[in-house]
Every structure is written in structure tokens, then in C-alpha cells.
Amino acid sequence: PYQHFIATRLLPCGEIDGPLRKFTGSSEIGKATDDLTKAVHAFAHFMLIYTSGFLLLSDLQGLFDARRVMCLFDPQGHTYV
């Protein structure tokens, strides 16, 4: 039924890449036991305050890239309408 589609390379998935880190879920935030998790939780809190309660980020997860920078992907954004 479709003549075209978009294809992208897979994310790296070797031993060096490390596991997926899940910082918050869709319905719970979880405990922040390390500095990176605390920073991600603070970012989500900042966005809620900065947007005056309009935008709530959840389901925050990520992977370290080759430079060891955490790249967050596939977040959910809940808005107050």
C-alpha cells in the first residue's frame, strides 16, 4: 500500500554502548540515586516550572553516545489544554 518509507540506521548496540537508562516512566518517577538521574529529574521539574505547568515530560530514557554524552530520546510530553 505504500510506495516509499523512511529507513534509518539502527542505534549502536555493542558492548561498548552500554544499556538503555530509564530515568522516569509514564506513571512513576523512581528514585534518583546518582547525579545523572538527579539531573534528568531536575530537567523535567525545570520544564514544568518554566512552562508554568503547561508541559510535563515523562518516560525519559537515553543512551550514552560515543563521547559518553547521555542522549535522551522518545520522551512523552503531556500538555495542559
N, C-alpha and C. Protein backbone atom coordinates (compact mmCIF):
# COMPACT_ATOMS: atom_id res chain seq x y z
N PRO A 1 0.80 -1.21 0.00
CA PRO A 1 0.00 0.00 0.00
C PRO A 1 0.85 1.28 0.00
N TYR A 2 2.13 1.22 0.44
CA TYR A 2 2.98 2.41 0.47
C TYR A 2 4.12 2.24 -0.54
N GLN A 3 4.39 3.30 -1.28
CA GLN A 3 5.47 3.24 -2.26
C GLN A 3 6.81 3.66 -1.67
N HIS A 4 6.79 4.44 -0.59
CA HIS A 4 8.02 4.97 -0.01
C HIS A 4 8.00 4.77 1.51
N PHE A 5 9.17 4.68 2.08
CA PHE A 5 9.29 4.64 3.53
C PHE A 5 10.64 5.22 3.91
N ILE A 6 10.75 5.63 5.16
CA ILE A 6 12.00 6.20 5.67
C ILE A 6 12.73 5.12 6.45
N ALA A 7 13.99 4.95 6.16
CA ALA A 7 14.81 3.98 6.89
C ALA A 7 15.99 4.70 7.51
N THR A 8 16.29 4.39 8.74
CA THR A 8 17.45 4.95 9.42
C THR A 8 18.32 3.82 9.94
N ARG A 9 19.58 4.12 10.16
CA ARG A 9 20.46 3.11 10.73
C ARG A 9 20.03 2.80 12.16
N LEU A 10 20.29 1.60 12.58
CA LEU A 10 19.99 1.21 13.95
C LEU A 10 20.92 1.93 14.90
N LEU A 11 20.46 2.15 16.11
CA LEU A 11 21.34 2.68 17.14
C LEU A 11 22.44 1.68 17.40
N PRO A 12 23.63 2.14 17.77
CA PRO A 12 24.69 1.19 18.11
C PRO A 12 24.21 0.27 19.23
N CYS A 13 24.60 -0.97 19.16
CA CYS A 13 24.14 -1.91 20.18
C CYS A 13 25.23 -2.92 20.53
N GLY A 14 26.46 -2.45 20.65
CA GLY A 14 27.55 -3.31 21.05
C GLY A 14 27.80 -3.22 22.55
N GLU A 15 28.75 -3.99 23.03
CA GLU A 15 29.07 -3.98 24.46
C GLU A 15 29.53 -2.61 24.93
N ILE A 16 30.22 -1.87 24.06
CA ILE A 16 30.75 -0.57 24.45
C ILE A 16 29.65 0.47 24.66
N ASP A 17 28.50 0.25 24.05
CA ASP A 17 27.42 1.24 24.10
C ASP A 17 26.70 1.28 25.44
N GLY A 18 26.73 0.21 26.17
CA GLY A 18 26.06 0.18 27.46
C GLY A 18 24.56 0.03 27.33
N PRO A 19 23.91 -0.20 28.44
CA PRO A 19 22.46 -0.43 28.41
C PRO A 19 21.66 0.87 28.33
N LEU A 20 20.43 0.73 27.95
CA LEU A 20 19.48 1.83 27.98
C LEU A 20 19.27 2.25 29.43
N ARG A 21 19.26 3.56 29.69
CA ARG A 21 18.98 4.06 31.03
C ARG A 21 17.57 4.65 31.03
N LYS A 22 16.72 4.16 31.91
CA LYS A 22 15.36 4.67 32.04
C LYS A 22 15.32 5.51 33.31
N PHE A 23 15.03 6.80 33.16
CA PHE A 23 15.06 7.73 34.29
C PHE A 23 13.68 7.94 34.89
N THR A 24 12.66 7.99 34.05
CA THR A 24 11.27 8.10 34.52
C THR A 24 10.40 7.23 33.65
N GLY A 25 9.31 6.79 34.20
CA GLY A 25 8.35 6.02 33.42
C GLY A 25 7.19 6.91 33.02
N SER A 26 6.14 6.28 32.54
CA SER A 26 4.95 7.02 32.15
C SER A 26 4.11 7.41 33.35
N SER A 27 4.19 6.61 34.42
CA SER A 27 3.34 6.88 35.57
C SER A 27 4.10 6.99 36.89
N GLU A 28 5.42 6.82 36.87
CA GLU A 28 6.19 6.97 38.10
C GLU A 28 7.54 7.59 37.77
N ILE A 29 8.14 8.22 38.79
CA ILE A 29 9.41 8.88 38.55
C ILE A 29 10.59 8.05 39.04
N GLY A 30 10.43 7.25 40.04
CA GLY A 30 11.54 6.43 40.53
C GLY A 30 12.49 7.23 41.40
N LYS A 31 13.38 6.53 42.07
CA LYS A 31 14.33 7.18 42.98
C LYS A 31 15.54 7.67 42.20
N ALA A 32 16.03 8.83 42.59
CA ALA A 32 17.24 9.39 41.99
C ALA A 32 18.41 9.07 42.92
N THR A 33 19.16 8.04 42.57
CA THR A 33 20.25 7.60 43.44
C THR A 33 21.63 8.01 42.93
N ASP A 34 21.71 8.62 41.74
CA ASP A 34 23.01 9.07 41.22
C ASP A 34 22.84 10.46 40.61
N ASP A 35 23.95 11.13 40.36
CA ASP A 35 23.91 12.52 39.88
C ASP A 35 23.23 12.67 38.52
N LEU A 36 23.44 11.72 37.62
CA LEU A 36 22.83 11.83 36.30
C LEU A 36 21.30 11.75 36.40
N THR A 37 20.80 10.81 37.18
CA THR A 37 19.35 10.69 37.36
C THR A 37 18.79 11.93 38.03
N LYS A 38 19.50 12.47 39.01
CA LYS A 38 19.06 13.70 39.66
C LYS A 38 19.00 14.85 38.66
N ALA A 39 19.97 14.92 37.75
CA ALA A 39 19.98 15.99 36.74
C ALA A 39 18.81 15.85 35.78
N VAL A 40 18.49 14.63 35.36
CA VAL A 40 17.36 14.41 34.45
C VAL A 40 16.05 14.75 35.16
N HIS A 41 15.91 14.35 36.41
CA HIS A 41 14.71 14.70 37.17
C HIS A 41 14.60 16.22 37.32
N ALA A 42 15.73 16.89 37.58
CA ALA A 42 15.72 18.35 37.71
C ALA A 42 15.32 19.01 36.40
N PHE A 43 15.77 18.45 35.27
CA PHE A 43 15.39 18.98 33.96
C PHE A 43 13.87 18.87 33.75
N ALA A 44 13.29 17.73 34.10
CA ALA A 44 11.85 17.56 33.96
C ALA A 44 11.10 18.55 34.86
N HIS A 45 11.60 18.74 36.08
CA HIS A 45 10.99 19.69 37.01
C HIS A 45 11.11 21.12 36.47
N PHE A 46 12.30 21.46 35.95
CA PHE A 46 12.51 22.79 35.37
C PHE A 46 11.51 23.06 34.25
N MET A 47 11.31 22.09 33.37
CA MET A 47 10.38 22.29 32.25
C MET A 47 8.96 22.54 32.75
N LEU A 48 8.56 21.85 33.80
CA LEU A 48 7.22 22.05 34.36
C LEU A 48 7.08 23.47 34.92
N ILE A 49 8.11 23.92 35.66
CA ILE A 49 8.07 25.27 36.23
C ILE A 49 8.20 26.33 35.14
N TYR A 50 9.13 26.14 34.20
CA TYR A 50 9.39 27.11 33.13
C TYR A 50 8.16 27.34 32.26
N THR A 51 7.37 26.29 32.05
CA THR A 51 6.17 26.41 31.22
C THR A 51 4.92 26.69 32.06
N SER A 52 5.11 27.06 33.31
CA SER A 52 4.00 27.37 34.23
C SER A 52 3.00 26.23 34.31
N GLY A 53 3.50 25.01 34.36
CA GLY A 53 2.64 23.84 34.50
C GLY A 53 2.00 23.37 33.20
N PHE A 54 2.40 23.95 32.07
CA PHE A 54 1.79 23.58 30.79
C PHE A 54 2.37 22.29 30.22
N LEU A 55 3.67 22.04 30.42
CA LEU A 55 4.33 20.88 29.82
C LEU A 55 4.98 20.00 30.88
N LEU A 56 4.61 18.74 30.88
CA LEU A 56 5.20 17.75 31.79
C LEU A 56 5.89 16.69 30.95
N LEU A 57 7.19 16.54 31.13
CA LEU A 57 7.94 15.50 30.42
C LEU A 57 7.93 14.22 31.23
N SER A 58 7.73 13.10 30.56
CA SER A 58 7.78 11.80 31.24
C SER A 58 8.39 10.77 30.29
N ASP A 59 8.58 9.58 30.79
CA ASP A 59 9.17 8.48 30.03
C ASP A 59 10.54 8.89 29.47
N LEU A 60 11.36 9.47 30.34
CA LEU A 60 12.69 9.92 29.94
C LEU A 60 13.68 8.77 30.01
N GLN A 61 14.32 8.51 28.89
CA GLN A 61 15.28 7.42 28.80
C GLN A 61 16.37 7.82 27.82
N GLY A 62 17.51 7.15 27.88
CA GLY A 62 18.58 7.53 26.97
C GLY A 62 19.71 6.52 26.94
N LEU A 63 20.66 6.83 26.06
CA LEU A 63 21.89 6.04 25.89
C LEU A 63 23.07 6.99 25.86
N PHE A 64 24.24 6.51 26.27
CA PHE A 64 25.46 7.28 26.11
C PHE A 64 25.92 7.17 24.67
N ASP A 65 26.34 8.30 24.09
CA ASP A 65 26.90 8.24 22.73
C ASP A 65 28.39 7.93 22.80
N ALA A 66 29.07 7.99 21.67
CA ALA A 66 30.49 7.64 21.61
C ALA A 66 31.36 8.58 22.45
N ARG A 67 30.87 9.80 22.70
CA ARG A 67 31.62 10.76 23.52
C ARG A 67 31.22 10.69 24.99
N ARG A 68 30.41 9.69 25.34
CA ARG A 68 29.91 9.50 26.71
C ARG A 68 28.97 10.62 27.14
N VAL A 69 28.22 11.15 26.18
CA VAL A 69 27.18 12.14 26.46
C VAL A 69 25.85 11.41 26.45
N MET A 70 25.05 11.62 27.49
CA MET A 70 23.74 10.98 27.56
C MET A 70 22.80 11.64 26.56
N CYS A 71 22.25 10.86 25.66
CA CYS A 71 21.30 11.35 24.65
C CYS A 71 19.92 10.83 25.01
N LEU A 72 19.04 11.73 25.42
CA LEU A 72 17.67 11.35 25.74
C LEU A 72 16.88 11.20 24.45
N PHE A 73 15.99 10.22 24.42
CA PHE A 73 15.17 10.03 23.22
C PHE A 73 13.79 9.52 23.60
N ASP A 74 12.86 9.72 22.70
CA ASP A 74 11.49 9.21 22.80
C ASP A 74 10.77 9.63 24.08
N PRO A 75 10.87 10.92 24.47
CA PRO A 75 10.14 11.35 25.67
C PRO A 75 8.66 11.53 25.37
N GLN A 76 7.88 11.53 26.40
CA GLN A 76 6.47 11.89 26.27
C GLN A 76 6.31 13.29 26.82
N GLY A 77 5.54 14.10 26.15
CA GLY A 77 5.23 15.44 26.62
C GLY A 77 3.73 15.55 26.85
N HIS A 78 3.35 15.81 28.07
CA HIS A 78 1.93 15.96 28.42
C HIS A 78 1.65 17.45 28.58
N THR A 79 0.62 17.93 27.93
CA THR A 79 0.29 19.35 28.00
C THR A 79 -1.06 19.56 28.66
N TYR A 80 -1.18 20.71 29.28
CA TYR A 80 -2.44 21.12 29.89
C TYR A 80 -3.17 21.99 28.88
N VAL A 81 -4.33 21.54 28.47
CA VAL A 81 -5.10 22.29 27.46
C VAL A 81 -6.33 22.90 28.10
